[in-house]
Amino acid sequence: MKPLEGVTIICASIAEAGPATSQILAFLGAEVYHVERPLDRPTVRYTGSILRNSNKKALTLDCKVPEGKELMWKLIERADVFLENFAPGAWERMGFSYEEVKKRVPGLK
């Protein structure tokens, strides 16, 4: 048994720290869902970042539209940890401020 087996992590990240951290957590047994925003052009995530997103479940979700927000809330509500590293204020503007997330999912880390 791995140390983090049974822990579910939602990771919404686009830079080095988030993908690298969540990859370590996945290697330790956590079930990690890597959420990416939809883009209309290829990015580094399709080349250099494939390795650091290994051992995770990946999905593309637009959290700026109502359907995407609803799906993101469903993911967060079933998670133990929500990890994000977008630019400061980005998640607040989409309706996922720390206060709102803690209010809706009090046990979330």
N, C-alpha and C. Protein backbone atom coordinates (compact mmCIF):
# COMPACT_ATOMS: atom_id res chain seq x y z
N MET A 1 0.84 -1.18 0.00
CA MET A 1 0.00 0.00 0.00
C MET A 1 0.89 1.25 0.00
N LYS A 2 0.51 2.22 -0.83
CA LYS A 2 1.26 3.47 -0.92
C LYS A 2 0.72 4.48 0.10
N PRO A 3 1.54 5.41 0.56
CA PRO A 3 1.13 6.33 1.62
C PRO A 3 -0.12 7.17 1.33
N LEU A 4 -0.34 7.57 0.08
CA LEU A 4 -1.48 8.43 -0.24
C LEU A 4 -2.61 7.69 -0.94
N GLU A 5 -2.59 6.38 -0.89
CA GLU A 5 -3.65 5.60 -1.50
C GLU A 5 -4.99 5.98 -0.87
N GLY A 6 -6.01 6.22 -1.71
CA GLY A 6 -7.31 6.62 -1.22
C GLY A 6 -7.53 8.12 -1.15
N VAL A 7 -6.48 8.91 -1.45
CA VAL A 7 -6.58 10.36 -1.45
C VAL A 7 -6.84 10.83 -2.88
N THR A 8 -7.83 11.70 -3.05
CA THR A 8 -8.16 12.24 -4.37
C THR A 8 -7.75 13.70 -4.42
N ILE A 9 -7.00 14.05 -5.46
CA ILE A 9 -6.49 15.41 -5.63
C ILE A 9 -6.95 15.96 -6.97
N ILE A 10 -7.52 17.17 -6.95
CA ILE A 10 -7.84 17.88 -8.18
C ILE A 10 -6.74 18.91 -8.35
N CYS A 11 -6.03 18.83 -9.46
CA CYS A 11 -4.91 19.73 -9.72
C CYS A 11 -5.20 20.55 -10.97
N ALA A 12 -5.41 21.83 -10.77
CA ALA A 12 -5.62 22.76 -11.89
C ALA A 12 -4.36 23.61 -11.96
N SER A 13 -3.46 23.24 -12.83
CA SER A 13 -2.18 23.94 -12.87
C SER A 13 -1.61 23.97 -14.27
N ILE A 14 -0.81 25.00 -14.52
CA ILE A 14 -0.25 25.15 -15.86
C ILE A 14 1.25 25.40 -15.85
N ALA A 15 1.83 25.60 -14.71
CA ALA A 15 3.26 25.89 -14.63
C ALA A 15 3.97 24.75 -13.90
N GLU A 16 5.25 24.86 -13.79
CA GLU A 16 6.08 23.79 -13.24
C GLU A 16 5.66 23.29 -11.86
N ALA A 17 5.41 24.18 -10.92
CA ALA A 17 5.19 23.77 -9.54
C ALA A 17 3.99 22.84 -9.38
N GLY A 18 2.87 23.17 -9.99
CA GLY A 18 1.67 22.34 -9.86
C GLY A 18 1.84 20.95 -10.46
N PRO A 19 2.22 20.86 -11.74
CA PRO A 19 2.39 19.53 -12.33
C PRO A 19 3.47 18.69 -11.64
N ALA A 20 4.57 19.30 -11.23
CA ALA A 20 5.63 18.54 -10.57
C ALA A 20 5.18 18.05 -9.20
N THR A 21 4.54 18.91 -8.44
CA THR A 21 4.05 18.53 -7.11
C THR A 21 3.00 17.43 -7.20
N SER A 22 2.03 17.61 -8.09
CA SER A 22 0.97 16.62 -8.18
C SER A 22 1.49 15.29 -8.74
N GLN A 23 2.54 15.34 -9.54
CA GLN A 23 3.12 14.08 -10.03
C GLN A 23 3.73 13.29 -8.87
N ILE A 24 4.41 13.98 -7.97
CA ILE A 24 4.98 13.30 -6.80
C ILE A 24 3.86 12.70 -5.96
N LEU A 25 2.77 13.46 -5.77
CA LEU A 25 1.64 12.95 -5.00
C LEU A 25 1.02 11.73 -5.68
N ALA A 26 0.95 11.75 -7.00
CA ALA A 26 0.43 10.59 -7.74
C ALA A 26 1.34 9.38 -7.57
N PHE A 27 2.64 9.59 -7.62
CA PHE A 27 3.57 8.48 -7.42
C PHE A 27 3.47 7.90 -6.01
N LEU A 28 3.02 8.73 -5.05
CA LEU A 28 2.84 8.27 -3.68
C LEU A 28 1.48 7.61 -3.47
N GLY A 29 0.70 7.47 -4.55
CA GLY A 29 -0.54 6.71 -4.48
C GLY A 29 -1.82 7.51 -4.58
N ALA A 30 -1.74 8.84 -4.60
CA ALA A 30 -2.95 9.64 -4.71
C ALA A 30 -3.56 9.50 -6.10
N GLU A 31 -4.87 9.60 -6.16
CA GLU A 31 -5.56 9.64 -7.45
C GLU A 31 -5.64 11.11 -7.85
N VAL A 32 -4.86 11.49 -8.86
CA VAL A 32 -4.75 12.90 -9.25
C VAL A 32 -5.47 13.13 -10.57
N TYR A 33 -6.34 14.13 -10.56
CA TYR A 33 -7.04 14.57 -11.77
C TYR A 33 -6.42 15.90 -12.18
N HIS A 34 -5.74 15.90 -13.30
CA HIS A 34 -5.09 17.12 -13.80
C HIS A 34 -6.06 17.83 -14.74
N VAL A 35 -6.51 19.02 -14.33
CA VAL A 35 -7.49 19.78 -15.10
C VAL A 35 -6.77 20.88 -15.87
N GLU A 36 -6.96 20.89 -17.18
CA GLU A 36 -6.36 21.92 -18.03
C GLU A 36 -7.44 22.72 -18.71
N ARG A 37 -7.13 23.95 -19.01
CA ARG A 37 -8.08 24.78 -19.75
C ARG A 37 -7.96 24.48 -21.24
N PRO A 38 -9.04 24.62 -21.97
CA PRO A 38 -8.97 24.36 -23.42
C PRO A 38 -8.21 25.47 -24.13
N LEU A 39 -7.38 25.08 -25.07
CA LEU A 39 -6.62 26.05 -25.86
C LEU A 39 -6.80 25.72 -27.33
N ASP A 40 -6.67 26.73 -28.17
CA ASP A 40 -6.84 26.50 -29.60
C ASP A 40 -5.51 26.32 -30.32
N ARG A 41 -4.44 26.18 -29.55
CA ARG A 41 -3.13 25.99 -30.17
C ARG A 41 -2.31 25.01 -29.32
N PRO A 42 -1.38 24.30 -29.93
CA PRO A 42 -0.52 23.41 -29.15
C PRO A 42 0.35 24.21 -28.19
N THR A 43 0.59 23.65 -27.03
CA THR A 43 1.44 24.31 -26.04
C THR A 43 2.50 23.34 -25.56
N VAL A 44 3.30 23.80 -24.65
CA VAL A 44 4.35 22.96 -24.09
C VAL A 44 3.77 21.73 -23.39
N ARG A 45 2.52 21.79 -22.97
CA ARG A 45 1.95 20.63 -22.28
C ARG A 45 1.87 19.41 -23.18
N TYR A 46 1.89 19.62 -24.49
CA TYR A 46 1.85 18.50 -25.42
C TYR A 46 3.24 17.99 -25.77
N THR A 47 4.26 18.68 -25.34
CA THR A 47 5.61 18.23 -25.64
C THR A 47 6.39 17.98 -24.35
N GLY A 48 6.98 19.00 -23.80
CA GLY A 48 7.85 18.84 -22.64
C GLY A 48 7.15 18.45 -21.36
N SER A 49 5.87 18.76 -21.21
CA SER A 49 5.21 18.49 -19.93
C SER A 49 4.53 17.13 -19.87
N ILE A 50 4.57 16.36 -20.93
CA ILE A 50 3.93 15.06 -20.91
C ILE A 50 4.49 14.21 -19.78
N LEU A 51 5.78 14.24 -19.58
CA LEU A 51 6.40 13.44 -18.55
C LEU A 51 5.90 13.84 -17.16
N ARG A 52 5.83 15.14 -16.86
CA ARG A 52 5.43 15.53 -15.51
C ARG A 52 3.93 15.41 -15.27
N ASN A 53 3.17 15.05 -16.29
CA ASN A 53 1.75 14.77 -16.11
C ASN A 53 1.46 13.28 -16.17
N SER A 54 2.51 12.48 -16.11
CA SER A 54 2.30 11.04 -16.12
C SER A 54 1.71 10.58 -14.79
N ASN A 55 1.04 9.45 -14.81
CA ASN A 55 0.45 8.84 -13.63
C ASN A 55 -0.75 9.63 -13.09
N LYS A 56 -1.37 10.45 -13.97
CA LYS A 56 -2.53 11.25 -13.58
C LYS A 56 -3.66 11.00 -14.58
N LYS A 57 -4.85 11.32 -14.15
CA LYS A 57 -6.00 11.34 -15.06
C LYS A 57 -6.12 12.78 -15.54
N ALA A 58 -6.21 12.99 -16.84
CA ALA A 58 -6.23 14.34 -17.39
C ALA A 58 -7.57 14.65 -18.03
N LEU A 59 -8.00 15.89 -17.86
CA LEU A 59 -9.21 16.35 -18.55
C LEU A 59 -9.10 17.83 -18.86
N THR A 60 -9.78 18.23 -19.91
CA THR A 60 -9.83 19.62 -20.31
C THR A 60 -11.20 20.15 -19.93
N LEU A 61 -11.20 21.31 -19.25
CA LEU A 61 -12.44 21.85 -18.73
C LEU A 61 -12.39 23.37 -18.77
N ASP A 62 -13.41 23.99 -19.33
CA ASP A 62 -13.48 25.45 -19.40
C ASP A 62 -14.30 25.95 -18.21
N CYS A 63 -13.61 26.42 -17.18
CA CYS A 63 -14.27 26.86 -15.95
C CYS A 63 -14.81 28.28 -16.05
N LYS A 64 -14.78 28.85 -17.25
CA LYS A 64 -15.34 30.19 -17.45
C LYS A 64 -16.78 30.14 -17.94
N VAL A 65 -17.27 28.94 -18.27
CA VAL A 65 -18.65 28.79 -18.74
C VAL A 65 -19.42 28.00 -17.68
N PRO A 66 -20.75 28.20 -17.59
CA PRO A 66 -21.54 27.54 -16.55
C PRO A 66 -21.39 26.02 -16.49
N GLU A 67 -21.36 25.36 -17.63
CA GLU A 67 -21.23 23.90 -17.64
C GLU A 67 -19.89 23.47 -17.07
N GLY A 68 -18.83 24.18 -17.43
CA GLY A 68 -17.50 23.87 -16.92
C GLY A 68 -17.40 24.11 -15.43
N LYS A 69 -18.00 25.20 -14.96
CA LYS A 69 -18.00 25.49 -13.52
C LYS A 69 -18.73 24.39 -12.75
N GLU A 70 -19.86 23.96 -13.28
CA GLU A 70 -20.63 22.91 -12.61
C GLU A 70 -19.82 21.62 -12.50
N LEU A 71 -19.15 21.25 -13.59
CA LEU A 71 -18.32 20.04 -13.56
C LEU A 71 -17.15 20.20 -12.60
N MET A 72 -16.55 21.39 -12.57
CA MET A 72 -15.43 21.62 -11.66
C MET A 72 -15.89 21.51 -10.21
N TRP A 73 -17.07 22.05 -9.89
CA TRP A 73 -17.59 21.91 -8.52
C TRP A 73 -17.80 20.45 -8.18
N LYS A 74 -18.29 19.66 -9.11
CA LYS A 74 -18.50 18.23 -8.84
C LYS A 74 -17.18 17.54 -8.54
N LEU A 75 -16.14 17.91 -9.29
CA LEU A 75 -14.81 17.33 -9.02
C LEU A 75 -14.30 17.74 -7.65
N ILE A 76 -14.38 19.04 -7.36
CA ILE A 76 -13.88 19.55 -6.09
C ILE A 76 -14.62 18.92 -4.91
N GLU A 77 -15.93 18.76 -5.05
CA GLU A 77 -16.74 18.22 -3.96
C GLU A 77 -16.41 16.76 -3.63
N ARG A 78 -15.82 16.03 -4.57
CA ARG A 78 -15.46 14.64 -4.26
C ARG A 78 -13.97 14.47 -3.96
N ALA A 79 -13.25 15.59 -3.90
CA ALA A 79 -11.81 15.55 -3.67
C ALA A 79 -11.45 15.74 -2.20
N ASP A 80 -10.23 15.32 -1.89
CA ASP A 80 -9.66 15.58 -0.56
C ASP A 80 -8.80 16.83 -0.58
N VAL A 81 -8.22 17.11 -1.77
CA VAL A 81 -7.31 18.25 -1.92
C VAL A 81 -7.59 18.93 -3.25
N PHE A 82 -7.58 20.26 -3.23
CA PHE A 82 -7.68 21.06 -4.46
C PHE A 82 -6.41 21.88 -4.57
N LEU A 83 -5.64 21.62 -5.62
CA LEU A 83 -4.35 22.27 -5.84
C LEU A 83 -4.44 23.08 -7.12
N GLU A 84 -4.09 24.36 -7.05
CA GLU A 84 -4.09 25.19 -8.25
C GLU A 84 -2.91 26.15 -8.19
N ASN A 85 -2.42 26.54 -9.36
CA ASN A 85 -1.34 27.52 -9.41
C ASN A 85 -1.47 28.43 -10.63
N PHE A 86 -2.68 28.88 -10.88
CA PHE A 86 -2.90 29.87 -11.92
C PHE A 86 -2.42 31.23 -11.41
N ALA A 87 -2.48 32.24 -12.24
CA ALA A 87 -2.10 33.59 -11.83
C ALA A 87 -2.97 34.05 -10.67
N PRO A 88 -2.43 34.89 -9.78
CA PRO A 88 -3.21 35.37 -8.64
C PRO A 88 -4.54 35.99 -9.10
N GLY A 89 -5.62 35.55 -8.46
CA GLY A 89 -6.94 36.08 -8.76
C GLY A 89 -7.70 35.36 -9.85
N ALA A 90 -7.04 34.48 -10.60
CA ALA A 90 -7.71 33.81 -11.72
C ALA A 90 -8.88 32.95 -11.25
N TRP A 91 -8.66 32.14 -10.23
CA TRP A 91 -9.74 31.27 -9.75
C TRP A 91 -10.83 32.06 -9.05
N GLU A 92 -10.47 33.15 -8.40
CA GLU A 92 -11.48 34.01 -7.77
C GLU A 92 -12.42 34.58 -8.82
N ARG A 93 -11.85 35.02 -9.95
CA ARG A 93 -12.66 35.59 -11.03
C ARG A 93 -13.60 34.56 -11.64
N MET A 94 -13.26 33.29 -11.56
CA MET A 94 -14.11 32.24 -12.09
C MET A 94 -15.12 31.74 -11.06
N GLY A 95 -15.07 32.29 -9.83
CA GLY A 95 -16.02 31.90 -8.80
C GLY A 95 -15.53 30.84 -7.84
N PHE A 96 -14.23 30.55 -7.85
CA PHE A 96 -13.65 29.51 -7.00
C PHE A 96 -12.67 30.11 -6.00
N SER A 97 -13.08 31.15 -5.30
CA SER A 97 -12.20 31.74 -4.29
C SER A 97 -11.99 30.75 -3.16
N TYR A 98 -10.95 30.96 -2.39
CA TYR A 98 -10.67 30.09 -1.24
C TYR A 98 -11.89 30.04 -0.32
N GLU A 99 -12.47 31.20 -0.05
CA GLU A 99 -13.62 31.28 0.86
C GLU A 99 -14.82 30.50 0.31
N GLU A 100 -15.09 30.64 -0.99
CA GLU A 100 -16.23 29.94 -1.60
C GLU A 100 -16.00 28.43 -1.61
N VAL A 101 -14.79 28.01 -1.94
CA VAL A 101 -14.49 26.58 -1.95
C VAL A 101 -14.61 25.99 -0.55
N LYS A 102 -14.06 26.67 0.46
CA LYS A 102 -14.13 26.17 1.84
C LYS A 102 -15.58 26.16 2.35
N LYS A 103 -16.39 27.11 1.90
CA LYS A 103 -17.79 27.16 2.31
C LYS A 103 -18.55 25.96 1.74
N ARG A 104 -18.30 25.66 0.47
CA ARG A 104 -19.02 24.56 -0.18
C ARG A 104 -18.47 23.19 0.18
N VAL A 105 -17.15 23.12 0.46
CA VAL A 105 -16.51 21.84 0.79
C VAL A 105 -15.63 22.05 2.02
N PRO A 106 -16.23 22.09 3.21
CA PRO A 106 -15.49 22.44 4.43
C PRO A 106 -14.30 21.52 4.75
N GLY A 107 -14.36 20.25 4.40
CA GLY A 107 -13.28 19.33 4.73
C GLY A 107 -12.13 19.32 3.75
N LEU A 108 -12.22 20.12 2.70
CA LEU A 108 -11.18 20.13 1.67
C LEU A 108 -9.89 20.70 2.22
N LYS A 109 -8.78 20.15 1.79
CA LYS A 109 -7.46 20.65 2.21
C LYS A 109 -6.90 21.57 1.17
